[in-house]
Amino acid sequence: MSLSPFHVVIILVLGVLFFGRNLPEVAKQIGSSLLEFRKGLDEWKEVRVHGKGGGRSADSGTESEESVERFEMLGTKFEPPSDGG
């Protein structure tokens, strides 16, 4: 499914109605959020492909270790609740 020009116009009109003067700030925040999401997704893919020891380069070794720790923290295991007995 693709967006037609009509759909884009409707989205823009709704954006102006809801956000008014703050629309440029909201668009900037959405753009930066998408950029951070893509960076995180790329790091996650890299860690998944290369394992825990995989980093971007020797220059960013500390950064890759921090990202591995962050992903390990986010990847906590689910523990089902006990039966309460």
Protein backbone atom coordinates (compact mmCIF):
# COMPACT_ATOMS: atom_id res chain seq x y z
CA MET A 1 0.00 0.00 0.00
CA SER A 2 1.38 3.40 -0.92
CA LEU A 3 0.35 6.89 0.01
CA SER A 4 -1.40 8.85 -2.67
CA PRO A 5 -1.10 12.64 -2.86
CA PHE A 6 -4.61 12.87 -1.42
CA HIS A 7 -3.55 10.94 1.68
CA VAL A 8 -0.49 13.17 2.14
CA VAL A 9 -2.68 16.29 1.97
CA ILE A 10 -5.05 14.85 4.59
CA ILE A 11 -2.11 14.03 6.90
CA LEU A 12 -0.70 17.55 6.49
CA VAL A 13 -4.08 19.17 7.21
CA LEU A 14 -4.53 17.05 10.33
CA GLY A 15 -1.00 17.89 11.43
CA VAL A 16 -1.68 21.61 11.11
CA LEU A 17 -4.98 21.27 12.98
CA PHE A 18 -3.49 19.31 15.86
CA PHE A 19 -0.08 20.94 16.22
CA GLY A 20 -0.45 24.41 14.64
CA ARG A 21 2.61 26.53 15.38
CA ASN A 22 4.51 23.63 16.92
CA LEU A 23 4.47 21.59 13.69
CA PRO A 24 8.15 22.29 12.79
CA GLU A 25 9.27 21.28 16.29
CA VAL A 26 7.15 18.12 16.18
CA ALA A 27 8.52 17.21 12.74
CA LYS A 28 12.09 17.74 13.99
CA GLN A 29 11.45 15.52 17.03
CA ILE A 30 9.92 12.79 14.86
CA GLY A 31 12.88 12.96 12.48
CA SER A 32 15.43 12.71 15.29
CA SER A 33 13.48 9.85 16.86
CA LEU A 34 13.48 7.95 13.57
CA LEU A 35 17.21 8.57 13.19
CA GLU A 36 17.91 7.24 16.69
CA PHE A 37 15.68 4.23 16.00
CA ARG A 38 17.57 3.43 12.81
CA LYS A 39 20.93 3.77 14.58
CA GLY A 40 19.77 1.46 17.34
CA LEU A 41 18.41 -1.04 14.83
CA ASP A 42 21.70 -1.01 12.92
CA GLU A 43 23.65 -1.55 16.16
CA TRP A 44 21.31 -4.37 17.15
CA LYS A 45 21.73 -6.06 13.77
CA GLU A 46 25.50 -5.67 14.02
CA VAL A 47 25.62 -7.15 17.52
CA ARG A 48 23.37 -9.99 16.45
CA VAL A 49 25.47 -10.80 13.37
CA HIS A 50 28.90 -10.41 14.98
CA GLY A 51 28.02 -11.61 18.45
CA LYS A 52 28.99 -9.93 21.71
CA GLY A 53 32.54 -9.23 20.57
CA GLY A 54 31.54 -7.53 17.30
CA GLY A 55 32.09 -3.82 17.15
CA ARG A 56 32.10 -1.21 14.45
CA SER A 57 35.82 -0.53 14.42
CA ALA A 58 38.81 -0.27 16.68
CA ASP A 59 38.18 3.48 17.04
CA SER A 60 34.72 2.96 18.55
CA GLY A 61 35.51 -0.04 20.77
CA THR A 62 34.15 1.61 23.89
CA GLU A 63 30.97 2.61 22.10
CA SER A 64 30.31 -0.93 20.87
CA GLU A 65 30.88 -2.37 24.37
CA GLU A 66 28.36 0.09 25.77
CA SER A 67 25.83 -0.83 23.10
CA VAL A 68 26.29 -4.54 23.84
CA GLU A 69 25.70 -3.89 27.53
CA ARG A 70 22.62 -1.83 26.69
CA PHE A 71 21.19 -4.61 24.53
CA GLU A 72 21.92 -7.21 27.18
CA MET A 73 20.07 -5.05 29.68
CA LEU A 74 17.10 -4.69 27.32
CA GLY A 75 17.07 -8.40 26.56
CA THR A 76 16.03 -9.51 30.05
CA LYS A 77 14.48 -12.93 30.20
CA PHE A 78 10.82 -13.40 31.00
CA GLU A 79 10.16 -15.23 34.23
CA PRO A 80 6.58 -16.43 34.66
CA PRO A 81 4.98 -15.66 38.00
CA SER A 82 4.95 -18.44 40.55
CA ASP A 83 1.70 -20.24 41.34
CA GLY A 84 1.69 -18.58 44.74
CA GLY A 85 1.81 -21.71 46.79
